[in-house]
PDB file of N, CA and C in Angstrom:
ATOM      1  N   MET A   1     -73.428  64.335  89.704  1.00  0.00           N
ATOM      2  CA  MET A   1     -74.726  64.457  89.548  1.00  0.00           C
ATOM      3  C   MET A   1     -74.518  63.472  90.383  1.00  0.00           C
ATOM      4  N   ARG A   2     -76.467  63.851  91.204  1.00  0.00           N
ATOM      5  CA  ARG A   2     -76.748  62.829  92.194  1.00  0.00           C
ATOM      6  C   ARG A   2     -77.779  61.989  91.639  1.00  0.00           C
ATOM      7  N   TYR A   3     -77.448  60.229  92.208  1.00  0.00           N
ATOM      8  CA  TYR A   3     -78.976  59.822  91.799  1.00  0.00           C
ATOM      9  C   TYR A   3     -78.785  58.986  93.100  1.00  0.00           C
ATOM     10  N   LYS A   4     -80.606  58.422  92.579  1.00  0.00           N
ATOM     11  CA  LYS A   4     -80.404  57.754  94.111  1.00  0.00           C
ATOM     12  C   LYS A   4     -81.020  56.190  93.059  1.00  0.00           C
ATOM     13  N   VAL A   5     -80.766  54.957  93.922  1.00  0.00           N
ATOM     14  CA  VAL A   5     -80.833  53.579  93.163  1.00  0.00           C
ATOM     15  C   VAL A   5     -82.124  53.300  94.552  1.00  0.00           C
ATOM     16  N   PHE A   6     -82.885  52.388  93.912  1.00  0.00           N
ATOM     17  CA  PHE A   6     -83.769  51.299  94.844  1.00  0.00           C
ATOM     18  C   PHE A   6     -83.529  50.483  94.427  1.00  0.00           C
ATOM     19  N   VAL A   7     -83.711  49.280  95.666  1.00  0.00           N
ATOM     20  CA  VAL A   7     -83.590  48.014  95.525  1.00  0.00           C
ATOM     21  C   VAL A   7     -85.022  47.603  95.780  1.00  0.00           C
ATOM     22  N   VAL A   8     -85.883  46.671  94.761  1.00  0.00           N
ATOM     23  CA  VAL A   8     -87.127  46.462  95.513  1.00  0.00           C
ATOM     24  C   VAL A   8     -87.458  45.054  95.263  1.00  0.00           C
ATOM     25  N   ASP A   9     -88.202  44.489  96.254  1.00  0.00           N
ATOM     26  CA  ASP A   9     -89.113  42.964  95.422  1.00  0.00           C
ATOM     27  C   ASP A   9     -89.981  42.498  94.741  1.00  0.00           C
ATOM     28  N   GLY A  10     -90.046  41.902  94.829  1.00  0.00           N
ATOM     29  CA  GLY A  10     -91.418  40.851  93.299  1.00  0.00           C
ATOM     30  C   GLY A  10     -92.311  41.901  93.109  1.00  0.00           C
ATOM     31  N   SER A  11     -92.728  42.339  94.997  1.00  0.00           N
ATOM     32  CA  SER A  11     -94.163  43.144  95.069  1.00  0.00           C
ATOM     33  C   SER A  11     -93.968  44.783  94.596  1.00  0.00           C
ATOM     34  N   ARG A  12     -92.718  45.065  94.743  1.00  0.00           N
ATOM     35  CA  ARG A  12     -92.274  46.401  94.088  1.00  0.00           C
ATOM     36  C   ARG A  12     -92.120  47.079  95.479  1.00  0.00           C
ATOM     37  N   GLN A  13     -92.004  46.278  96.661  1.00  0.00           N
ATOM     38  CA  GLN A  13     -91.809  46.577  98.022  1.00  0.00           C
ATOM     39  C   GLN A  13     -89.883  47.231  98.426  1.00  0.00           C
ATOM     40  N   LEU A  14     -90.305  48.492  98.797  1.00  0.00           N
ATOM     41  CA  LEU A  14     -88.298  48.526  98.795  1.00  0.00           C
ATOM     42  C   LEU A  14     -87.954  48.169 100.083  1.00  0.00           C
ATOM     43  N   ILE A  15     -87.304  47.389  99.357  1.00  0.00           N
ATOM     44  CA  ILE A  15     -85.946  46.846 100.490  1.00  0.00           C
ATOM     45  C   ILE A  15     -84.577  47.593 101.227  1.00  0.00           C
ATOM     46  N   CYS A  16     -84.397  48.187 100.134  1.00  0.00           N
ATOM     47  CA  CYS A  16     -83.317  49.483 100.513  1.00  0.00           C
ATOM     48  C   CYS A  16     -82.893  50.641  99.629  1.00  0.00           C
ATOM     49  N   ALA A  17     -82.438  51.524  99.745  1.00  0.00           N
ATOM     50  CA  ALA A  17     -82.306  52.806  98.754  1.00  0.00           C
ATOM     51  C   ALA A  17     -80.578  53.369  99.114  1.00  0.00           C
ATOM     52  N   ALA A  18     -80.069  53.537  97.982  1.00  0.00           N
ATOM     53  CA  ALA A  18     -78.832  54.661  98.583  1.00  0.00           C
ATOM     54  C   ALA A  18     -78.888  55.428  97.262  1.00  0.00           C
ATOM     55  N   LYS A  19     -77.472  56.802  97.395  1.00  0.00           N
ATOM     56  CA  LYS A  19     -77.448  57.657  96.685  1.00  0.00           C
ATOM     57  C   LYS A  19     -76.345  57.225  96.259  1.00  0.00           C
ATOM     58  N   LEU A  20     -76.185  57.633  94.801  1.00  0.00           N
ATOM     59  CA  LEU A  20     -75.257  57.350  93.896  1.00  0.00           C
ATOM     60  C   LEU A  20     -74.298  59.149  93.448  1.00  0.00           C
ATOM     61  N   ASP A  21     -73.131  59.215  93.781  1.00  0.00           N
ATOM     62  CA  ASP A  21     -72.995  60.453  92.910  1.00  0.00           C
ATOM     63  C   ASP A  21     -71.689  59.848  91.934  1.00  0.00           C
ATOM     64  N   CYS A  22     -72.119  60.441  90.841  1.00  0.00           N
ATOM     65  CA  CYS A  22     -71.995  60.108  89.401  1.00  0.00           C
ATOM     66  C   CYS A  22     -71.328  61.037  88.334  1.00  0.00           C
ATOM     67  N   ILE A  23     -70.305  61.224  87.675  1.00  0.00           N
ATOM     68  CA  ILE A  23     -69.945  62.145  86.709  1.00  0.00           C
ATOM     69  C   ILE A  23     -70.923  62.414  85.795  1.00  0.00           C
ATOM     70  N   ASP A  24     -71.959  61.307  84.792  1.00  0.00           N
ATOM     71  CA  ASP A  24     -72.366  61.085  84.228  1.00  0.00           C
ATOM     72  C   ASP A  24     -73.615  59.746  84.402  1.00  0.00           C
ATOM     73  N   GLU A  25     -74.422  60.204  83.645  1.00  0.00           N
ATOM     74  CA  GLU A  25     -75.543  59.454  83.523  1.00  0.00           C
ATOM     75  C   GLU A  25     -74.948  57.831  83.415  1.00  0.00           C
ATOM     76  N   GLN A  26     -73.836  57.419  82.300  1.00  0.00           N
ATOM     77  CA  GLN A  26     -73.575  55.946  82.212  1.00  0.00           C
ATOM     78  C   GLN A  26     -73.048  55.642  83.200  1.00  0.00           C
ATOM     79  N   ALA A  27     -72.298  56.324  83.897  1.00  0.00           N
ATOM     80  CA  ALA A  27     -71.321  55.626  85.130  1.00  0.00           C
ATOM     81  C   ALA A  27     -72.466  54.934  86.300  1.00  0.00           C
ATOM     82  N   ALA A  28     -73.639  56.317  86.232  1.00  0.00           N
ATOM     83  CA  ALA A  28     -74.352  55.782  87.486  1.00  0.00           C
ATOM     84  C   ALA A  28     -75.928  54.364  86.757  1.00  0.00           C
ATOM     85  N   ARG A  29     -75.307  54.370  85.193  1.00  0.00           N
ATOM     86  CA  ARG A  29     -76.256  53.298  84.877  1.00  0.00           C
ATOM     87  C   ARG A  29     -75.126  51.434  85.411  1.00  0.00           C
ATOM     88  N   ARG A  30     -73.847  52.034  85.015  1.00  0.00           N
ATOM     89  CA  ARG A  30     -73.507  50.720  85.186  1.00  0.00           C
ATOM     90  C   ARG A  30     -73.040  50.326  86.926  1.00  0.00           C
ATOM     91  N   ARG A  31     -73.269  51.880  87.837  1.00  0.00           N
ATOM     92  CA  ARG A  31     -72.802  50.935  89.175  1.00  0.00           C
ATOM     93  C   ARG A  31     -74.176  50.492  89.705  1.00  0.00           C
ATOM     94  N   ALA A  32     -75.683  50.969  89.243  1.00  0.00           N
ATOM     95  CA  ALA A  32     -76.258  50.123  89.643  1.00  0.00           C
ATOM     96  C   ALA A  32     -76.670  49.367  89.094  1.00  0.00           C
ATOM     97  N   GLU A  33     -76.806  48.970  87.696  1.00  0.00           N
ATOM     98  CA  GLU A  33     -77.032  47.211  87.352  1.00  0.00           C
ATOM     99  C   GLU A  33     -75.940  46.463  87.838  1.00  0.00           C
ATOM    100  N   GLN A  34     -74.541  46.858  88.406  1.00  0.00           N
ATOM    101  CA  GLN A  34     -73.906  46.006  89.101  1.00  0.00           C
ATOM    102  C   GLN A  34     -74.558  45.437  90.845  1.00  0.00           C
ATOM    103  N   MET A  35     -75.408  46.172  91.358  1.00  0.00           N
ATOM    104  CA  MET A  35     -76.336  46.191  92.430  1.00  0.00           C
ATOM    105  C   MET A  35     -77.431  44.824  91.840  1.00  0.00           C
ATOM    106  N   HIS A  36     -77.701  44.872  91.279  1.00  0.00           N
ATOM    107  CA  HIS A  36     -78.965  43.849  91.370  1.00  0.00           C
ATOM    108  C   HIS A  36     -78.206  42.560  90.991  1.00  0.00           C
ATOM    109  N   ASP A  37     -79.369  41.563  91.424  1.00  0.00           N
ATOM    110  CA  ASP A  37     -78.895  40.178  91.265  1.00  0.00           C
ATOM    111  C   ASP A  37     -80.029  39.165  91.435  1.00  0.00           C
ATOM    112  N   GLU A  38     -80.352  39.253  92.969  1.00  0.00           N
ATOM    113  CA  GLU A  38     -81.842  38.481  93.144  1.00  0.00           C
ATOM    114  C   GLU A  38     -83.204  39.658  93.605  1.00  0.00           C
ATOM    115  N   HIS A  39     -82.794  40.959  93.041  1.00  0.00           N
ATOM    116  CA  HIS A  39     -84.059  41.943  93.404  1.00  0.00           C
ATOM    117  C   HIS A  39     -83.378  42.796  92.337  1.00  0.00           C
ATOM    118  N   ASP A  40     -85.276  43.466  91.997  1.00  0.00           N
ATOM    119  CA  ASP A  40     -84.295  44.698  91.062  1.00  0.00           C
ATOM    120  C   ASP A  40     -84.201  46.073  91.174  1.00  0.00           C
ATOM    121  N   VAL A  41     -83.590  46.544  90.627  1.00  0.00           N
ATOM    122  CA  VAL A  41     -82.817  47.372  91.187  1.00  0.00           C
ATOM    123  C   VAL A  41     -83.767  48.849  89.713  1.00  0.00           C
ATOM    124  N   GLU A  42     -83.890  50.192  90.905  1.00  0.00           N
ATOM    125  CA  GLU A  42     -84.622  51.619  89.590  1.00  0.00           C
ATOM    126  C   GLU A  42     -83.516  52.261  90.100  1.00  0.00           C
ATOM    127  N   LEU A  43     -83.073  53.165  88.788  1.00  0.00           N
ATOM    128  CA  LEU A  43     -82.220  53.774  88.817  1.00  0.00           C
ATOM    129  C   LEU A  43     -82.993  55.154  88.886  1.00  0.00           C
ATOM    130  N   TRP A  44     -82.991  56.493  89.209  1.00  0.00           N
ATOM    131  CA  TRP A  44     -83.802  57.440  89.599  1.00  0.00           C
ATOM    132  C   TRP A  44     -82.741  58.796  89.381  1.00  0.00           C
ATOM    133  N   GLN A  45     -83.103  59.957  89.061  1.00  0.00           N
ATOM    134  CA  GLN A  45     -82.337  61.398  89.219  1.00  0.00           C
ATOM    135  C   GLN A  45     -83.416  61.519  89.766  1.00  0.00           C
ATOM    136  N   GLY A  46     -83.383  62.836  90.444  1.00  0.00           N
ATOM    137  CA  GLY A  46     -84.960  62.899  90.744  1.00  0.00           C
ATOM    138  C   GLY A  46     -85.550  62.985  90.776  1.00  0.00           C
ATOM    139  N   ASP A  47     -87.025  63.227  90.161  1.00  0.00           N
ATOM    140  CA  ASP A  47     -88.542  62.071  89.860  1.00  0.00           C
ATOM    141  C   ASP A  47     -88.444  61.952  88.694  1.00  0.00           C
ATOM    142  N   ARG A  48     -86.946  61.628  87.877  1.00  0.00           N
ATOM    143  CA  ARG A  48     -86.853  60.860  86.619  1.00  0.00           C
ATOM    144  C   ARG A  48     -86.451  59.148  86.538  1.00  0.00           C
ATOM    145  N   LEU A  49     -87.264  58.287  86.270  1.00  0.00           N
ATOM    146  CA  LEU A  49     -86.748  57.027  86.402  1.00  0.00           C
ATOM    147  C   LEU A  49     -85.688  57.017  85.019  1.00  0.00           C
ATOM    148  N   VAL A  50     -84.462  56.793  85.274  1.00  0.00           N
ATOM    149  CA  VAL A  50     -83.657  56.071  84.248  1.00  0.00           C
ATOM    150  C   VAL A  50     -83.371  55.096  83.979  1.00  0.00           C
ATOM    151  N   ALA A  51     -83.914  54.031  84.458  1.00  0.00           N
ATOM    152  CA  ALA A  51     -83.373  53.011  84.005  1.00  0.00           C
ATOM    153  C   ALA A  51     -83.756  52.005  85.189  1.00  0.00           C
ATOM    154  N   VAL A  52     -84.575  50.994  85.079  1.00  0.00           N
ATOM    155  CA  VAL A  52     -84.383  49.391  85.891  1.00  0.00           C
ATOM    156  C   VAL A  52     -84.202  48.145  85.091  1.00  0.00           C
ATOM    157  N   PHE A  53     -83.093  47.960  86.534  1.00  0.00           N
ATOM    158  CA  PHE A  53     -82.465  46.533  86.023  1.00  0.00           C
ATOM    159  C   PHE A  53     -83.241  44.993  86.650  1.00  0.00           C
ATOM    160  N   ARG A  54     -83.540  44.361  86.004  1.00  0.00           N
ATOM    161  CA  ARG A  54     -84.634  43.087  86.267  1.00  0.00           C
ATOM    162  C   ARG A  54     -83.610  42.121  86.884  1.00  0.00           C
ATOM    163  N   SER A  55     -83.674  41.316  87.632  1.00  0.00           N
ATOM    164  CA  SER A  55     -83.558  40.331  88.186  1.00  0.00           C
ATOM    165  C   SER A  55     -83.520  39.458  87.417  1.00  0.00           C
ATOM    166  N   ALA A  56     -83.388  38.174  87.473  1.00  0.00           N
ATOM    167  CA  ALA A  56     -82.780  37.103  86.560  1.00  0.00           C
ATOM    168  C   ALA A  56     -84.275  35.998  87.413  1.00  0.00           C
ATOM    169  N   THR A  57     -84.539  36.340  88.153  1.00  0.00           N
ATOM    170  CA  THR A  57     -85.418  35.930  88.888  1.00  0.00           C
ATOM    171  C   THR A  57     -87.074  36.225  88.520  1.00  0.00           C
ATOM    172  N   SER A  58     -86.712  37.869  88.417  1.00  0.00           N
ATOM    173  CA  SER A  58     -88.159  38.845  88.382  1.00  0.00           C
ATOM    174  C   SER A  58     -88.454  38.148  86.397  1.00  0.00           C
ATOM    175  N   ASN A  59     -87.386  37.927  85.418  1.00  0.00           N
ATOM    176  CA  ASN A  59     -87.887  37.604  84.128  1.00  0.00           C
ATOM    177  C   ASN A  59     -87.975  36.257  84.027  1.00  0.00           C
ATOM    178  N   GLU A  60     -88.429  35.120  84.817  1.00  0.00           N
ATOM    179  CA  GLU A  60     -88.565  34.316  84.939  1.00  0.00           C
ATOM    180  C   GLU A  60     -90.710  33.910  84.772  1.00  0.00           C
ATOM    181  N   GLY A  61     -90.714  34.965  85.575  1.00  0.00           N
ATOM    182  CA  GLY A  61     -92.243  35.242  85.281  1.00  0.00           C
ATOM    183  C   GLY A  61     -92.989  35.726  84.244  1.00  0.00           C
ATOM    184  N   ARG A  62     -92.167  36.585  83.249  1.00  0.00           N
ATOM    185  CA  ARG A  62     -92.877  37.186  82.872  1.00  0.00           C
ATOM    186  C   ARG A  62     -92.660  36.508  81.267  1.00  0.00           C
ATOM    187  N   SER A  63     -93.273  36.926  80.218  1.00  0.00           N
ATOM    188  CA  SER A  63     -93.538  36.897  79.017  1.00  0.00           C
ATOM    189  C   SER A  63     -92.769  37.814  77.764  1.00  0.00           C
TER     190      SER A  63
END
């Protein structure tokens, strides 16, 4: 299955994007989660948002 990963900054501006070929959604989630560090990561399958993995710094400003 084909997925896309978008790394975005705090203003939701795109930093980089990557295509993932994974056997299933669970594998895609694991790979995308490994990519989040100081920026948020969005995992998409086509036009469906699968998951958002928040960075530790983006969580600090939220209540």
